[in-house]
Amino acid sequence: MAGLVNAGKNLLLDGLVDGVEFVSLHTDDPDGSGSDEVSGSPYERQSVEWAAPDSASVSSASAIVFDVPGSTTINHLGYWSASSGGTFYGARALDTEQTFATTGTYTIAIGNLTETIT
């Protein structure tokens, strides 16, 4: 057997959740820099609380609710160390692109933000 067992994978995920304290929405693939983040009132990054890693997976421990300005289409979620500026750790595509004709909210339910090491 080669590779990490779940205990090792959970250790790596512990590092991820220690660093990723905020999440962002993006209008296009944020590349390696966190580009294309949504801008304009009332948008702001949201804090994320994580459950303890288990079985090589970690999930959000609370709902995450973003206010999104009108005339905005979102399709990616970014991981950050801070509410503004900070270190960008990466991104994932949203399951479904969503367009907001008017100001609205985008909600990620408890446990629906998950990262897994395979």
Protein backbone atom coordinates (compact mmCIF):
# COMPACT_ATOMS: atom_id res chain seq x y z
CA MET A 1 0.00 0.00 0.00
CA ALA A 2 1.38 3.38 -0.96
CA GLY A 3 0.09 6.82 -0.10
CA LEU A 4 -1.55 8.47 2.83
CA VAL A 5 -4.13 6.79 5.01
CA ASN A 6 -7.13 8.78 6.25
CA ALA A 7 -5.26 9.98 9.36
CA GLY A 8 -2.63 11.61 7.13
CA LYS A 9 -5.27 13.07 4.82
CA ASN A 10 -7.15 14.47 7.82
CA LEU A 11 -3.91 16.09 9.01
CA LEU A 12 -3.57 17.84 5.63
CA LEU A 13 -7.18 18.99 5.79
CA ASP A 14 -6.56 20.37 9.30
CA GLY A 15 -3.99 22.67 7.71
CA LEU A 16 -6.49 23.76 5.06
CA VAL A 17 -9.21 24.63 7.54
CA ASP A 18 -6.71 26.47 9.76
CA GLY A 19 -5.81 28.73 6.84
CA VAL A 20 -9.11 29.16 4.99
CA GLU A 21 -11.18 31.53 7.10
CA PHE A 22 -13.13 33.30 4.36
CA VAL A 23 -14.78 32.37 1.07
CA SER A 24 -15.54 34.53 -1.96
CA LEU A 25 -17.70 34.42 -5.07
CA HIS A 26 -16.27 34.90 -8.57
CA THR A 27 -17.67 35.73 -11.98
CA ASP A 28 -15.07 33.63 -13.83
CA ASP A 29 -12.27 31.20 -13.03
CA PRO A 30 -10.12 33.08 -10.49
CA ASP A 31 -6.91 31.50 -11.82
CA GLY A 32 -4.04 31.45 -9.32
CA SER A 33 -4.53 34.97 -8.06
CA GLY A 34 -8.18 35.15 -6.94
CA SER A 35 -9.15 37.34 -9.90
CA ASP A 36 -12.73 38.02 -11.02
CA GLU A 37 -14.10 38.29 -7.49
CA VAL A 38 -17.58 39.79 -7.30
CA SER A 39 -17.49 43.50 -6.49
CA GLY A 40 -19.99 46.17 -5.58
CA SER A 41 -22.39 46.72 -2.73
CA PRO A 42 -23.66 44.74 -0.86
CA TYR A 43 -21.12 41.96 -1.60
CA GLU A 44 -18.38 40.94 0.83
CA ARG A 45 -16.44 37.78 1.57
CA GLN A 46 -18.00 35.52 4.18
CA SER A 47 -16.35 33.69 7.04
CA VAL A 48 -16.47 29.91 6.99
CA GLU A 49 -16.60 27.54 9.93
CA TRP A 50 -15.38 24.01 9.31
CA ALA A 51 -16.28 20.75 11.00
CA ALA A 52 -13.40 18.50 12.06
CA PRO A 53 -11.92 16.52 9.17
CA ASP A 54 -13.07 12.91 9.11
CA SER A 55 -12.50 10.07 6.64
CA ALA A 56 -10.33 12.32 4.43
CA SER A 57 -13.12 14.90 4.05
CA VAL A 58 -14.07 18.20 5.66
CA SER A 59 -17.32 20.19 5.35
CA SER A 60 -18.67 23.58 6.33
CA ALA A 61 -20.17 23.58 9.83
CA SER A 62 -22.58 26.47 9.27
CA ALA A 63 -24.54 28.06 6.45
CA ILE A 64 -22.70 30.64 4.34
CA VAL A 65 -24.85 33.48 2.96
CA PHE A 66 -23.58 36.02 0.42
CA ASP A 67 -25.32 39.21 -0.69
CA VAL A 68 -24.87 39.47 -4.46
CA PRO A 69 -25.32 42.69 -6.47
CA GLY A 70 -27.74 42.73 -9.38
CA SER A 71 -26.47 42.13 -12.93
CA THR A 72 -23.97 39.57 -11.62
CA THR A 73 -23.34 35.98 -12.72
CA ILE A 74 -21.39 33.78 -10.31
CA ASN A 75 -19.69 30.50 -11.16
CA HIS A 76 -16.74 29.98 -8.76
CA LEU A 77 -16.01 30.02 -5.03
CA GLY A 78 -12.62 31.12 -3.68
CA TYR A 79 -10.73 30.32 -0.46
CA TRP A 80 -8.98 33.14 1.46
CA SER A 81 -7.13 33.86 4.69
CA ALA A 82 -8.79 37.26 5.25
CA SER A 83 -11.97 39.25 4.67
CA SER A 84 -10.08 41.51 2.23
CA GLY A 85 -6.66 41.10 0.68
CA GLY A 86 -5.00 38.15 2.37
CA THR A 87 -3.72 34.93 0.86
CA PHE A 88 -5.66 33.21 -1.91
CA TYR A 89 -5.59 29.41 -1.48
CA GLY A 90 -7.56 28.30 -4.52
CA ALA A 91 -11.05 27.92 -5.90
CA ARG A 92 -13.67 25.50 -7.09
CA ALA A 93 -16.38 25.81 -9.70
CA LEU A 94 -19.91 26.10 -8.35
CA ASP A 95 -22.19 23.18 -9.19
CA THR A 96 -24.43 25.57 -11.13
CA GLU A 97 -23.76 29.03 -12.52
CA GLN A 98 -26.26 31.54 -11.15
CA THR A 99 -27.29 34.93 -12.54
CA PHE A 100 -28.73 37.68 -10.36
CA ALA A 101 -30.79 40.20 -12.36
CA THR A 102 -31.39 42.14 -9.13
CA THR A 103 -29.62 42.09 -5.76
CA GLY A 104 -30.13 38.75 -4.05
CA THR A 105 -28.53 36.14 -1.82
CA TYR A 106 -26.54 33.02 -2.55
CA THR A 107 -26.60 30.43 0.24
CA ILE A 108 -24.42 27.40 0.82
CA ALA A 109 -26.23 25.14 3.29
CA ILE A 110 -24.51 23.55 6.29
CA GLY A 111 -22.25 20.77 5.09
CA ASN A 112 -22.62 21.60 1.39
CA LEU A 113 -19.10 23.02 1.06
CA THR A 114 -16.87 19.95 1.15
CA GLU A 115 -13.25 19.22 0.34
CA THR A 116 -12.00 15.66 0.08
CA ILE A 117 -8.56 14.17 -0.43
CA THR A 118 -8.66 11.00 -2.50
